[in-house]
Protein backbone atom coordinates (compact mmCIF):
# COMPACT_ATOMS: atom_id res chain seq x y z
CA UNK A 1 0.00 0.00 0.00
CA UNK A 2 2.79 2.44 0.82
CA UNK A 3 4.66 1.77 -2.42
CA UNK A 4 1.52 2.52 -4.44
CA UNK A 5 1.46 5.93 -2.72
CA UNK A 6 5.04 6.73 -3.73
CA UNK A 7 6.94 5.58 -0.65
CA UNK A 8 10.09 3.50 -0.94
CA UNK A 9 9.66 0.47 1.31
CA UNK A 10 12.39 -1.77 2.67
CA UNK A 11 11.15 -4.82 4.51
CA UNK A 12 13.22 -5.93 7.50
CA UNK A 13 12.35 -9.30 8.96
CA UNK A 14 13.27 -8.68 12.57
CA UNK A 15 11.21 -11.40 14.18
CA UNK A 16 10.54 -14.99 13.39
CA UNK A 17 9.41 -17.98 15.36
CA UNK A 18 11.63 -21.01 15.44
CA UNK A 19 10.97 -24.46 16.88
CA UNK A 20 12.21 -24.86 20.43
CA UNK A 21 15.36 -26.90 20.76
CA UNK A 22 15.67 -28.18 24.32
CA UNK A 23 19.28 -28.27 25.37
CA UNK A 24 18.99 -31.47 27.35
CA UNK A 25 17.75 -32.68 30.73
CA UNK A 26 19.35 -29.77 32.60
CA UNK A 27 17.24 -27.25 30.67
CA UNK A 28 14.08 -29.24 31.26
CA UNK A 29 14.91 -29.47 34.97
CA UNK A 30 15.39 -25.70 35.13
CA UNK A 31 12.09 -25.13 33.34
CA UNK A 32 10.39 -27.53 35.75
CA UNK A 33 11.65 -25.61 38.76
CA UNK A 34 10.96 -22.12 37.41
CA UNK A 35 8.87 -19.86 39.62
CA UNK A 36 8.17 -17.08 37.09
CA UNK A 37 8.26 -17.37 33.31
CA UNK A 38 8.09 -14.32 31.04
CA UNK A 39 6.37 -14.43 27.68
CA UNK A 40 6.69 -11.88 24.89
CA UNK A 41 4.34 -13.60 22.43
CA UNK A 42 1.69 -16.30 22.18
CA UNK A 43 4.20 -18.45 20.27
CA UNK A 44 6.55 -18.26 23.26
CA UNK A 45 3.76 -19.57 25.49
CA UNK A 46 3.11 -22.41 23.05
CA UNK A 47 6.83 -23.21 22.84
CA UNK A 48 7.00 -23.45 26.64
CA UNK A 49 3.97 -25.70 26.90
CA UNK A 50 5.22 -28.02 24.15
CA UNK A 51 8.28 -29.02 26.17
CA UNK A 52 7.16 -28.91 29.82
CA UNK A 53 4.10 -29.41 31.99
CA UNK A 54 5.35 -26.79 34.45
CA UNK A 55 3.00 -23.80 34.74
CA UNK A 56 4.74 -21.21 36.92
CA UNK A 57 3.58 -17.63 37.39
CA UNK A 58 3.40 -16.08 33.93
CA UNK A 59 4.46 -12.48 33.24
CA UNK A 60 3.18 -11.54 29.78
CA UNK A 61 4.01 -8.56 27.59
CA UNK A 62 0.38 -7.98 26.69
CA UNK A 63 -3.11 -9.30 26.23
CA UNK A 64 -2.49 -11.77 23.39
CA UNK A 65 0.21 -13.51 25.42
CA UNK A 66 -2.05 -13.42 28.49
CA UNK A 67 -4.85 -15.14 26.55
CA UNK A 68 -2.42 -17.78 25.25
CA UNK A 69 -1.23 -18.40 28.83
CA UNK A 70 -4.81 -18.75 30.06
CA UNK A 71 -5.61 -21.15 27.23
CA UNK A 72 -2.48 -23.16 28.07
CA UNK A 73 -3.40 -23.75 31.70
CA UNK A 74 -1.41 -21.08 33.54
CA UNK A 75 -3.33 -20.12 36.68
CA UNK A 76 -1.52 -16.98 37.83
CA UNK A 77 -0.91 -14.57 34.98
CA UNK A 78 0.37 -11.01 35.12
CA UNK A 79 -0.05 -8.68 32.14
CA UNK A 80 0.02 -4.90 31.85
CA UNK A 81 -3.06 -2.90 30.86
CA UNK A 82 -1.07 -1.47 27.95
CA UNK A 83 1.33 -3.84 26.16
CA UNK A 84 5.00 -2.94 26.00
CA UNK A 85 8.42 -3.45 27.51
CA UNK A 86 8.02 -1.14 30.52
CA UNK A 87 4.67 -2.69 31.50
CA UNK A 88 6.12 -6.15 30.99
CA UNK A 89 8.99 -5.32 33.33
CA UNK A 90 6.53 -3.97 35.91
CA UNK A 91 4.34 -7.10 35.86
CA UNK A 92 7.43 -9.31 36.04
CA UNK A 93 8.52 -7.48 39.19
CA UNK A 94 4.97 -7.74 40.56
CA UNK A 95 4.94 -11.50 39.96
CA UNK A 96 8.27 -11.91 41.77
CA UNK A 97 7.15 -9.69 44.65
CA UNK A 98 3.93 -11.72 45.00
CA UNK A 99 5.90 -14.94 44.87
CA UNK A 100 8.09 -13.69 47.70
CA UNK A 101 5.12 -12.34 49.64
CA UNK A 102 6.35 -8.75 49.45
CA UNK A 103 4.18 -5.67 49.48
CA UNK A 104 4.00 -3.65 46.29
CA UNK A 105 6.29 -0.63 46.26
CA UNK A 106 4.56 2.70 46.85
PDB file of N, CA and C in Angstrom:
ATOM      1  N   UNK A   1       0.789  -1.189   0.000  1.00  0.00           N
ATOM      2  CA  UNK A   1       0.000   0.000   0.000  1.00  0.00           C
ATOM      3  C   UNK A   1       0.842   1.268   0.000  1.00  0.00           C
ATOM      4  N   UNK A   2       1.937   1.256   0.769  1.00  0.00           N
ATOM      5  CA  UNK A   2       2.790   2.443   0.817  1.00  0.00           C
ATOM      6  C   UNK A   2       3.498   2.683  -0.507  1.00  0.00           C
ATOM      7  N   UNK A   3       3.974   1.609  -1.132  1.00  0.00           N
ATOM      8  CA  UNK A   3       4.660   1.767  -2.418  1.00  0.00           C
ATOM      9  C   UNK A   3       3.740   2.373  -3.465  1.00  0.00           C
ATOM     10  N   UNK A   4       2.473   1.980  -3.454  1.00  0.00           N
ATOM     11  CA  UNK A   4       1.524   2.519  -4.435  1.00  0.00           C
ATOM     12  C   UNK A   4       1.265   4.011  -4.217  1.00  0.00           C
ATOM     13  N   UNK A   5       1.616   4.510  -3.024  1.00  0.00           N
ATOM     14  CA  UNK A   5       1.456   5.931  -2.717  1.00  0.00           C
ATOM     15  C   UNK A   5       2.772   6.696  -2.853  1.00  0.00           C
ATOM     16  N   UNK A   6       3.797   6.038  -3.446  1.00  0.00           N
ATOM     17  CA  UNK A   6       5.039   6.732  -3.731  1.00  0.00           C
ATOM     18  C   UNK A   6       6.145   6.567  -2.699  1.00  0.00           C
ATOM     19  N   UNK A   7       5.911   5.793  -1.662  1.00  0.00           N
ATOM     20  CA  UNK A   7       6.944   5.577  -0.653  1.00  0.00           C
ATOM     21  C   UNK A   7       7.877   4.463  -1.097  1.00  0.00           C
ATOM     22  N   UNK A   8       9.138   4.595  -0.738  1.00  0.00           N
ATOM     23  CA  UNK A   8      10.088   3.503  -0.937  1.00  0.00           C
ATOM     24  C   UNK A   8      10.052   2.660   0.332  1.00  0.00           C
ATOM     25  N   UNK A   9       9.831   1.374   0.177  1.00  0.00           N
ATOM     26  CA  UNK A   9       9.657   0.467   1.310  1.00  0.00           C
ATOM     27  C   UNK A   9      10.786  -0.558   1.320  1.00  0.00           C
ATOM     28  N   UNK A  10      11.412  -0.706   2.466  1.00  0.00           N
ATOM     29  CA  UNK A  10      12.394  -1.765   2.672  1.00  0.00           C
ATOM     30  C   UNK A  10      11.890  -2.641   3.799  1.00  0.00           C
ATOM     31  N   UNK A  11      11.652  -3.888   3.499  1.00  0.00           N
ATOM     32  CA  UNK A  11      11.152  -4.815   4.509  1.00  0.00           C
ATOM     33  C   UNK A  11      12.329  -5.389   5.291  1.00  0.00           C
ATOM     34  N   UNK A  12      12.220  -5.336   6.617  1.00  0.00           N
ATOM     35  CA  UNK A  12      13.217  -5.925   7.501  1.00  0.00           C
ATOM     36  C   UNK A  12      12.527  -6.989   8.338  1.00  0.00           C
ATOM     37  N   UNK A  13      12.902  -8.223   8.150  1.00  0.00           N
ATOM     38  CA  UNK A  13      12.346  -9.302   8.957  1.00  0.00           C
ATOM     39  C   UNK A  13      13.133  -9.369  10.264  1.00  0.00           C
ATOM     40  N   UNK A  14      12.560  -8.765  11.295  1.00  0.00           N
ATOM     41  CA  UNK A  14      13.271  -8.676  12.573  1.00  0.00           C
ATOM     42  C   UNK A  14      12.774  -9.687  13.598  1.00  0.00           C
ATOM     43  N   UNK A  15      11.767 -10.439  13.238  1.00  0.00           N
ATOM     44  CA  UNK A  15      11.209 -11.396  14.183  1.00  0.00           C
ATOM     45  C   UNK A  15      10.742 -12.616  13.418  1.00  0.00           C
ATOM     46  N   UNK A  16      11.043 -13.750  13.953  1.00  0.00           N
ATOM     47  CA  UNK A  16      10.543 -14.988  13.386  1.00  0.00           C
ATOM     48  C   UNK A  16      10.412 -15.997  14.518  1.00  0.00           C
ATOM     49  N   UNK A  17       9.526 -16.919  14.367  1.00  0.00           N
ATOM     50  CA  UNK A  17       9.406 -17.975  15.363  1.00  0.00           C
ATOM     51  C   UNK A  17      10.165 -19.188  14.853  1.00  0.00           C
ATOM     52  N   UNK A  18      10.856 -19.817  15.748  1.00  0.00           N
ATOM     53  CA  UNK A  18      11.631 -21.006  15.440  1.00  0.00           C
ATOM     54  C   UNK A  18      11.197 -22.120  16.389  1.00  0.00           C
ATOM     55  N   UNK A  19      11.283 -23.364  15.959  1.00  0.00           N
ATOM     56  CA  UNK A  19      10.968 -24.457  16.881  1.00  0.00           C
ATOM     57  C   UNK A  19      11.913 -24.428  18.079  1.00  0.00           C
ATOM     58  N   UNK A  20      11.392 -24.822  19.219  1.00  0.00           N
ATOM     59  CA  UNK A  20      12.206 -24.865  20.431  1.00  0.00           C
ATOM     60  C   UNK A  20      13.133 -26.065  20.362  1.00  0.00           C
ATOM     61  N   UNK A  21      14.380 -25.823  20.663  1.00  0.00           N
ATOM     62  CA  UNK A  21      15.358 -26.898  20.761  1.00  0.00           C
ATOM     63  C   UNK A  21      15.780 -26.980  22.226  1.00  0.00           C
ATOM     64  N   UNK A  22      15.327 -28.017  22.902  1.00  0.00           N
ATOM     65  CA  UNK A  22      15.670 -28.181  24.317  1.00  0.00           C
ATOM     66  C   UNK A  22      17.114 -28.649  24.402  1.00  0.00           C
ATOM     67  N   UNK A  23      17.855 -28.007  25.269  1.00  0.00           N
ATOM     68  CA  UNK A  23      19.283 -28.270  25.365  1.00  0.00           C
ATOM     69  C   UNK A  23      19.629 -29.421  26.294  1.00  0.00           C
ATOM     70  N   UNK A  24      18.707 -30.299  26.552  1.00  0.00           N
ATOM     71  CA  UNK A  24      18.993 -31.470  27.353  1.00  0.00           C
ATOM     72  C   UNK A  24      18.232 -31.480  28.664  1.00  0.00           C
ATOM     73  N   UNK A  25      18.497 -32.509  29.479  1.00  0.00           N
ATOM     74  CA  UNK A  25      17.746 -32.681  30.726  1.00  0.00           C
ATOM     75  C   UNK A  25      17.952 -31.540  31.724  1.00  0.00           C
ATOM     76  N   UNK A  26      19.110 -30.887  31.670  1.00  0.00           N
ATOM     77  CA  UNK A  26      19.346 -29.771  32.596  1.00  0.00           C
ATOM     78  C   UNK A  26      18.378 -28.628  32.308  1.00  0.00           C
ATOM     79  N   UNK A  27      18.174 -28.321  31.034  1.00  0.00           N
ATOM     80  CA  UNK A  27      17.244 -27.245  30.666  1.00  0.00           C
ATOM     81  C   UNK A  27      15.826 -27.599  31.082  1.00  0.00           C
ATOM     82  N   UNK A  28      15.420 -28.826  30.853  1.00  0.00           N
ATOM     83  CA  UNK A  28      14.078 -29.239  31.264  1.00  0.00           C
ATOM     84  C   UNK A  28      13.920 -29.173  32.777  1.00  0.00           C
ATOM     85  N   UNK A  29      14.962 -29.546  33.507  1.00  0.00           N
ATOM     86  CA  UNK A  29      14.911 -29.469  34.972  1.00  0.00           C
ATOM     87  C   UNK A  29      14.774 -28.019  35.430  1.00  0.00           C
ATOM     88  N   UNK A  30      15.506 -27.117  34.785  1.00  0.00           N
ATOM     89  CA  UNK A  30      15.389 -25.696  35.126  1.00  0.00           C
ATOM     90  C   UNK A  30      13.991 -25.176  34.823  1.00  0.00           C
ATOM     91  N   UNK A  31      13.445 -25.553  33.682  1.00  0.00           N
ATOM     92  CA  UNK A  31      12.090 -25.130  33.341  1.00  0.00           C
ATOM     93  C   UNK A  31      11.089 -25.674  34.360  1.00  0.00           C
ATOM     94  N   UNK A  32      11.297 -26.904  34.788  1.00  0.00           N
ATOM     95  CA  UNK A  32      10.390 -27.530  35.749  1.00  0.00           C
ATOM     96  C   UNK A  32      10.438 -26.915  37.126  1.00  0.00           C
ATOM     97  N   UNK A  33      11.525 -26.234  37.439  1.00  0.00           N
ATOM     98  CA  UNK A  33      11.650 -25.613  38.764  1.00  0.00           C
ATOM     99  C   UNK A  33      11.521 -24.092  38.716  1.00  0.00           C
ATOM    100  N   UNK A  34      11.106 -23.562  37.579  1.00  0.00           N
ATOM    101  CA  UNK A  34      10.963 -22.123  37.414  1.00  0.00           C
ATOM    102  C   UNK A  34       9.768 -21.606  38.196  1.00  0.00           C
ATOM    103  N   UNK A  35       9.959 -20.479  38.857  1.00  0.00           N
ATOM    104  CA  UNK A  35       8.872 -19.858  39.624  1.00  0.00           C
ATOM    105  C   UNK A  35       8.101 -18.827  38.809  1.00  0.00           C
ATOM    106  N   UNK A  36       8.791 -18.103  37.933  1.00  0.00           N
ATOM    107  CA  UNK A  36       8.169 -17.084  37.088  1.00  0.00           C
ATOM    108  C   UNK A  36       8.735 -17.232  35.679  1.00  0.00           C
ATOM    109  N   UNK A  37       7.846 -17.345  34.708  1.00  0.00           N
ATOM    110  CA  UNK A  37       8.256 -17.372  33.306  1.00  0.00           C
ATOM    111  C   UNK A  37       7.722 -16.111  32.640  1.00  0.00           C
ATOM    112  N   UNK A  38       8.521 -15.519  31.763  1.00  0.00           N
ATOM    113  CA  UNK A  38       8.086 -14.324  31.044  1.00  0.00           C
ATOM    114  C   UNK A  38       7.829 -14.690  29.586  1.00  0.00           C
ATOM    115  N   UNK A  39       6.761 -14.116  29.037  1.00  0.00           N
ATOM    116  CA  UNK A  39       6.373 -14.434  27.677  1.00  0.00           C
ATOM    117  C   UNK A  39       6.130 -13.156  26.882  1.00  0.00           C
ATOM    118  N   UNK A  40       6.821 -13.045  25.748  1.00  0.00           N
ATOM    119  CA  UNK A  40       6.689 -11.885  24.887  1.00  0.00           C
ATOM    120  C   UNK A  40       5.799 -12.115  23.685  1.00  0.00           C
ATOM    121  N   UNK A  41       5.225 -13.315  23.566  1.00  0.00           N
ATOM    122  CA  UNK A  41       4.345 -13.598  22.434  1.00  0.00           C
ATOM    123  C   UNK A  41       3.563 -14.879  22.716  1.00  0.00           C
ATOM    124  N   UNK A  42       2.430 -15.046  22.049  1.00  0.00           N
ATOM    125  CA  UNK A  42       1.692 -16.300  22.181  1.00  0.00           C
ATOM    126  C   UNK A  42       2.527 -17.511  21.736  1.00  0.00           C
ATOM    127  N   UNK A  43       3.374 -17.323  20.724  1.00  0.00           N
ATOM    128  CA  UNK A  43       4.200 -18.449  20.273  1.00  0.00           C
ATOM    129  C   UNK A  43       5.208 -18.858  21.345  1.00  0.00           C
ATOM    130  N   UNK A  44       5.652 -17.916  22.152  1.00  0.00           N
ATOM    131  CA  UNK A  44       6.553 -18.256  23.258  1.00  0.00           C
ATOM    132  C   UNK A  44       5.818 -19.093  24.299  1.00  0.00           C
ATOM    133  N   UNK A  45       4.567 -18.759  24.559  1.00  0.00           N
ATOM    134  CA  UNK A  45       3.761 -19.566  25.490  1.00  0.00           C
ATOM    135  C   UNK A  45       3.615 -20.981  24.942  1.00  0.00           C
ATOM    136  N   UNK A  46       3.269 -21.080  23.658  1.00  0.00           N
ATOM    137  CA  UNK A  46       3.108 -22.411  23.047  1.00  0.00           C
ATOM    138  C   UNK A  46       4.418 -23.197  23.081  1.00  0.00           C
ATOM    139  N   UNK A  47       5.529 -22.528  22.820  1.00  0.00           N
ATOM    140  CA  UNK A  47       6.828 -23.207  22.838  1.00  0.00           C
ATOM    141  C   UNK A  47       7.105 -23.775  24.223  1.00  0.00           C
ATOM    142  N   UNK A  48       6.796 -22.992  25.255  1.00  0.00           N
ATOM    143  CA  UNK A  48       6.996 -23.452  26.640  1.00  0.00           C
ATOM    144  C   UNK A  48       6.148 -24.691  26.905  1.00  0.00           C
ATOM    145  N   UNK A  49       4.879 -24.611  26.550  1.00  0.00           N
ATOM    146  CA  UNK A  49       3.969 -25.703  26.900  1.00  0.00           C
ATOM    147  C   UNK A  49       4.213 -26.963  26.085  1.00  0.00           C
ATOM    148  N   UNK A  50       4.904 -26.832  24.956  1.00  0.00           N
ATOM    149  CA  UNK A  50       5.219 -28.015  24.153  1.00  0.00           C
ATOM    150  C   UNK A  50       6.323 -28.861  24.771  1.00  0.00           C
ATOM    151  N   UNK A  51       7.141 -28.262  25.637  1.00  0.00           N
ATOM    152  CA  UNK A  51       8.277 -29.018  26.168  1.00  0.00           C
ATOM    153  C   UNK A  51       8.210 -29.287  27.667  1.00  0.00           C
ATOM    154  N   UNK A  52       7.253 -28.664  28.372  1.00  0.00           N
ATOM    155  CA  UNK A  52       7.164 -28.913  29.815  1.00  0.00           C
ATOM    156  C   UNK A  52       5.721 -28.802  30.284  1.00  0.00           C
ATOM    157  N   UNK A  53       5.420 -29.513  31.367  1.00  0.00           N
ATOM    158  CA  UNK A  53       4.100 -29.414  31.991  1.00  0.00           C
ATOM    159  C   UNK A  53       4.088 -28.373  33.095  1.00  0.00           C
ATOM    160  N   UNK A  54       5.227 -27.794  33.400  1.00  0.00           N
ATOM    161  CA  UNK A  54       5.353 -26.786  34.450  1.00  0.00           C
ATOM    162  C   UNK A  54       4.573 -25.527  34.054  1.00  0.00           C
ATOM    163  N   UNK A  55       3.762 -25.027  34.964  1.00  0.00           N
ATOM    164  CA  UNK A  55       2.997 -23.803  34.738  1.00  0.00           C
ATOM    165  C   UNK A  55       3.259 -22.835  35.897  1.00  0.00           C
ATOM    166  N   UNK A  56       4.418 -22.164  35.862  1.00  0.00           N
ATOM    167  CA  UNK A  56       4.737 -21.208  36.925  1.00  0.00           C
ATOM    168  C   UNK A  56       3.908 -19.931  36.773  1.00  0.00           C
ATOM    169  N   UNK A  57       4.173 -18.945  37.604  1.00  0.00           N
ATOM    170  CA  UNK A  57       3.576 -17.632  37.392  1.00  0.00           C
ATOM    171  C   UNK A  57       4.002 -17.163  36.005  1.00  0.00           C
ATOM    172  N   UNK A  58       3.101 -16.540  35.289  1.00  0.00           N
ATOM    173  CA  UNK A  58       3.403 -16.078  33.934  1.00  0.00           C
ATOM    174  C   UNK A  58       3.342 -14.563  33.890  1.00  0.00           C
ATOM    175  N   UNK A  59       4.419 -13.931  33.444  1.00  0.00           N
ATOM    176  CA  UNK A  59       4.459 -12.484  33.240  1.00  0.00           C
ATOM    177  C   UNK A  59       4.467 -12.251  31.732  1.00  0.00           C
ATOM    178  N   UNK A  60       3.369 -11.687  31.226  1.00  0.00           N
ATOM    179  CA  UNK A  60       3.176 -11.543  29.783  1.00  0.00           C
ATOM    180  C   UNK A  60       3.317 -10.094  29.350  1.00  0.00           C
ATOM    181  N   UNK A  61       3.804  -9.904  28.131  1.00  0.00           N
ATOM    182  CA  UNK A  61       4.015  -8.563  27.591  1.00  0.00           C
ATOM    183  C   UNK A  61       2.701  -7.843  27.284  1.00  0.00           C
ATOM    184  N   UNK A  62       1.651  -8.595  27.035  1.00  0.00           N
ATOM    185  CA  UNK A  62       0.379  -7.976  26.686  1.00  0.00           C
ATOM    186  C   UNK A  62      -0.755  -8.979  26.677  1.00  0.00           C
ATOM    187  N   UNK A  63      -1.879  -8.528  26.167  1.00  0.00           N
ATOM    188  CA  UNK A  63      -3.108  -9.300  26.234  1.00  0.00           C
ATOM    189  C   UNK A  63      -3.082 -10.575  25.408  1.00  0.00           C
ATOM    190  N   UNK A  64      -2.479 -10.545  24.219  1.00  0.00           N
ATOM    191  CA  UNK A  64      -2.486 -11.766  23.393  1.00  0.00           C
ATOM    192  C   UNK A  64      -1.671 -12.874  24.051  1.00  0.00           C
ATOM    193  N   UNK A  65      -0.573 -12.511  24.693  1.00  0.00           N
ATOM    194  CA  UNK A  65       0.213 -13.507  25.423  1.00  0.00           C
ATOM    195  C   UNK A  65      -0.544 -13.981  26.655  1.00  0.00           C
ATOM    196  N   UNK A  66      -1.261 -13.056  27.315  1.00  0.00           N
ATOM    197  CA  UNK A  66      -2.054 -13.423  28.486  1.00  0.00           C
ATOM    198  C   UNK A  66      -3.126 -14.447  28.105  1.00  0.00           C
ATOM    199  N   UNK A  67      -3.815 -14.216  27.003  1.00  0.00           N
ATOM    200  CA  UNK A  67      -4.853 -15.143  26.553  1.00  0.00           C
ATOM    201  C   UNK A  67      -4.245 -16.503  26.230  1.00  0.00           C
ATOM    202  N   UNK A  68      -3.094 -16.508  25.569  1.00  0.00           N
ATOM    203  CA  UNK A  68      -2.423 -17.775  25.251  1.00  0.00           C
ATOM    204  C   UNK A  68      -2.047 -18.509  26.532  1.00  0.00           C
ATOM    205  N   UNK A  69      -1.584 -17.774  27.544  1.00  0.00           N
ATOM    206  CA  UNK A  69      -1.228 -18.403  28.825  1.00  0.00           C
ATOM    207  C   UNK A  69      -2.470 -18.978  29.501  1.00  0.00           C
ATOM    208  N   UNK A  70      -3.562 -18.234  29.490  1.00  0.00           N
ATOM    209  CA  UNK A  70      -4.814 -18.751  30.059  1.00  0.00           C
ATOM    210  C   UNK A  70      -5.230 -20.032  29.346  1.00  0.00           C
ATOM    211  N   UNK A  71      -5.199 -19.988  28.021  1.00  0.00           N
ATOM    212  CA  UNK A  71      -5.607 -21.150  27.227  1.00  0.00           C
ATOM    213  C   UNK A  71      -4.686 -22.343  27.438  1.00  0.00           C
ATOM    214  N   UNK A  72      -3.465 -22.089  27.885  1.00  0.00           N
ATOM    215  CA  UNK A  72      -2.480 -23.159  28.073  1.00  0.00           C
ATOM    216  C   UNK A  72      -2.413 -23.671  29.505  1.00  0.00           C
ATOM    217  N   UNK A  73      -3.311 -23.194  30.355  1.00  0.00           N
ATOM    218  CA  UNK A  73      -3.397 -23.745  31.703  1.00  0.00           C
ATOM    219  C   UNK A  73      -2.605 -23.027  32.779  1.00  0.00           C
ATOM    220  N   UNK A  74      -2.085 -21.846  32.487  1.00  0.00           N
ATOM    221  CA  UNK A  74      -1.414 -21.076  33.537  1.00  0.00           C
ATOM    222  C   UNK A  74      -2.494 -20.476  34.430  1.00  0.00           C
ATOM    223  N   UNK A  75      -2.322 -20.599  35.744  1.00  0.00           N
ATOM    224  CA  UNK A  75      -3.327 -20.119  36.682  1.00  0.00           C
ATOM    225  C   UNK A  75      -3.091 -18.679  37.122  1.00  0.00           C
ATOM    226  N   UNK A  76      -1.849 -18.321  37.335  1.00  0.00           N
ATOM    227  CA  UNK A  76      -1.522 -16.980  37.832  1.00  0.00           C
ATOM    228  C   UNK A  76      -0.763 -16.237  36.738  1.00  0.00           C
ATOM    229  N   UNK A  77      -1.446 -15.273  36.143  1.00  0.00           N
ATOM    230  CA  UNK A  77      -0.909 -14.565  34.976  1.00  0.00           C
ATOM    231  C   UNK A  77      -0.908 -13.071  35.258  1.00  0.00           C
ATOM    232  N   UNK A  78       0.206 -12.450  34.948  1.00  0.00           N
ATOM    233  CA  UNK A  78       0.375 -11.015  35.117  1.00  0.00           C
ATOM    234  C   UNK A  78       0.579 -10.411  33.728  1.00  0.00           C
ATOM    235  N   UNK A  79      -0.197  -9.369  33.424  1.00  0.00           N
ATOM    236  CA  UNK A  79      -0.055  -8.682  32.140  1.00  0.00           C
ATOM    237  C   UNK A  79      -0.409  -7.215  32.343  1.00  0.00           C
ATOM    238  N   UNK A  80       0.316  -6.322  31.697  1.00  0.00           N
ATOM    239  CA  UNK A  80       0.022  -4.898  31.854  1.00  0.00           C
ATOM    240  C   UNK A  80      -1.264  -4.508  31.127  1.00  0.00           C
ATOM    241  N   UNK A  81      -1.867  -3.415  31.541  1.00  0.00           N
ATOM    242  CA  UNK A  81      -3.060  -2.903  30.856  1.00  0.00           C
ATOM    243  C   UNK A  81      -2.727  -2.464  29.445  1.00  0.00           C
ATOM    244  N   UNK A  82      -1.528  -1.918  29.270  1.00  0.00           N
ATOM    245  CA  UNK A  82      -1.066  -1.472  27.954  1.00  0.00           C
ATOM    246  C   UNK A  82       0.177  -2.287  27.601  1.00  0.00           C
ATOM    247  N   UNK A  83       0.173  -3.008  26.482  1.00  0.00           N
ATOM    248  CA  UNK A  83       1.330  -3.843  26.155  1.00  0.00           C
ATOM    249  C   UNK A  83       2.583  -3.013  25.911  1.00  0.00           C
ATOM    250  N   UNK A  84       3.719  -3.604  26.245  1.00  0.00           N
ATOM    251  CA  UNK A  84       4.997  -2.944  26.003  1.00  0.00           C
ATOM    252  C   UNK A  84       6.051  -3.401  26.988  1.00  0.00           C
ATOM    253  N   UNK A  85       7.271  -3.004  26.711  1.00  0.00           N
ATOM    254  CA  UNK A  85       8.416  -3.451  27.505  1.00  0.00           C
ATOM    255  C   UNK A  85       8.336  -2.952  28.944  1.00  0.00           C
ATOM    256  N   UNK A  86       8.018  -1.670  29.153  1.00  0.00           N
ATOM    257  CA  UNK A  86       8.015  -1.143  30.522  1.00  0.00           C
ATOM    258  C   UNK A  86       6.916  -1.810  31.351  1.00  0.00           C
ATOM    259  N   UNK A  87       5.734  -1.995  30.774  1.00  0.00           N
ATOM    260  CA  UNK A  87       4.672  -2.689  31.502  1.00  0.00           C
ATOM    261  C   UNK A  87       5.013  -4.131  31.776  1.00  0.00           C
ATOM    262  N   UNK A  88       5.686  -4.764  30.827  1.00  0.00           N
ATOM    263  CA  UNK A  88       6.117  -6.153  30.989  1.00  0.00           C
ATOM    264  C   UNK A  88       7.094  -6.256  32.149  1.00  0.00           C
ATOM    265  N   UNK A  89       8.035  -5.327  32.219  1.00  0.00           N
ATOM    266  CA  UNK A  89       8.987  -5.316  33.334  1.00  0.00           C
ATOM    267  C   UNK A  89       8.256  -5.128  34.660  1.00  0.00           C
ATOM    268  N   UNK A  90       7.285  -4.225  34.684  1.00  0.00           N
ATOM    269  CA  UNK A  90       6.530  -3.971  35.913  1.00  0.00           C
ATOM    270  C   UNK A  90       5.758  -5.209  36.374  1.00  0.00           C
ATOM    271  N   UNK A  91       5.107  -5.917  35.440  1.00  0.00           N
ATOM    272  CA  UNK A  91       4.344  -7.097  35.861  1.00  0.00           C
ATOM    273  C   UNK A  91       5.274  -8.257  36.240  1.00  0.00           C
ATOM    274  N   UNK A  92       6.457  -8.290  35.643  1.00  0.00           N
ATOM    275  CA  UNK A  92       7.432  -9.307  36.042  1.00  0.00           C
ATOM    276  C   UNK A  92       7.871  -9.072  37.486  1.00  0.00           C
ATOM    277  N   UNK A  93       8.158  -7.824  37.816  1.00  0.00           N
ATOM    278  CA  UNK A  93       8.524  -7.481  39.194  1.00  0.00           C
ATOM    279  C   UNK A  93       7.360  -7.782  40.132  1.00  0.00           C
ATOM    280  N   UNK A  94       6.143  -7.455  39.730  1.00  0.00           N
ATOM    281  CA  UNK A  94       4.968  -7.736  40.558  1.00  0.00           C
ATOM    282  C   UNK A  94       4.825  -9.232  40.816  1.00  0.00           C
ATOM    283  N   UNK A  95       5.042 -10.046  39.795  1.00  0.00           N
ATOM    284  CA  UNK A  95       4.943 -11.499  39.960  1.00  0.00           C
ATOM    285  C   UNK A  95       5.989 -12.000  40.958  1.00  0.00           C
ATOM    286  N   UNK A  96       7.203 -11.498  40.846  1.00  0.00           N
ATOM    287  CA  UNK A  96       8.275 -11.914  41.773  1.00  0.00           C
ATOM    288  C   UNK A  96       7.958 -11.452  43.179  1.00  0.00           C
ATOM    289  N   UNK A  97       7.503 -10.216  43.317  1.00  0.00           N
ATOM    290  CA  UNK A  97       7.149  -9.692  44.646  1.00  0.00           C
ATOM    291  C   UNK A  97       6.033 -10.549  45.267  1.00  0.00           C
ATOM    292  N   UNK A  98       5.010 -10.876  44.483  1.00  0.00           N
ATOM    293  CA  UNK A  98       3.927 -11.716  45.000  1.00  0.00           C
ATOM    294  C   UNK A  98       4.449 -13.087  45.392  1.00  0.00           C
ATOM    295  N   UNK A  99       5.314 -13.638  44.576  1.00  0.00           N
ATOM    296  CA  UNK A  99       5.898 -14.939  44.873  1.00  0.00           C
ATOM    297  C   UNK A  99       6.625 -14.925  46.207  1.00  0.00           C
ATOM    298  N   UNK A 100       7.326 -13.830  46.461  1.00  0.00           N
ATOM    299  CA  UNK A 100       8.092 -13.694  47.696  1.00  0.00           C
ATOM    300  C   UNK A 100       7.258 -13.178  48.864  1.00  0.00           C
ATOM    301  N   UNK A 101       5.997 -12.841  48.583  1.00  0.00           N
ATOM    302  CA  UNK A 101       5.124 -12.344  49.639  1.00  0.00           C
ATOM    303  C   UNK A 101       5.446 -10.921  50.063  1.00  0.00           C
ATOM    304  N   UNK A 102       5.981 -10.127  49.144  1.00  0.00           N
ATOM    305  CA  UNK A 102       6.354  -8.755  49.451  1.00  0.00           C
ATOM    306  C   UNK A 102       5.229  -7.807  49.079  1.00  0.00           C
ATOM    307  N   UNK A 103       5.143  -6.717  49.796  1.00  0.00           N
ATOM    308  CA  UNK A 103       4.176  -5.669  49.478  1.00  0.00           C
ATOM    309  C   UNK A 103       4.622  -4.935  48.219  1.00  0.00           C
ATOM    310  N   UNK A 104       3.675  -4.455  47.460  1.00  0.00           N
ATOM    311  CA  UNK A 104       4.004  -3.649  46.289  1.00  0.00           C
ATOM    312  C   UNK A 104       4.652  -2.358  46.728  1.00  0.00           C
ATOM    313  N   UNK A 105       5.617  -1.880  45.947  1.00  0.00           N
ATOM    314  CA  UNK A 105       6.291  -0.625  46.255  1.00  0.00           C
ATOM    315  C   UNK A 105       5.310   0.533  46.096  1.00  0.00           C
ATOM    316  N   UNK A 106       5.444   1.520  46.953  1.00  0.00           N
ATOM    317  CA  UNK A 106       4.562   2.699  46.852  1.00  0.00           C
ATOM    318  C   UNK A 106       5.355   3.925  46.505  1.00  0.00           C
TER     319      UNK A 106
END
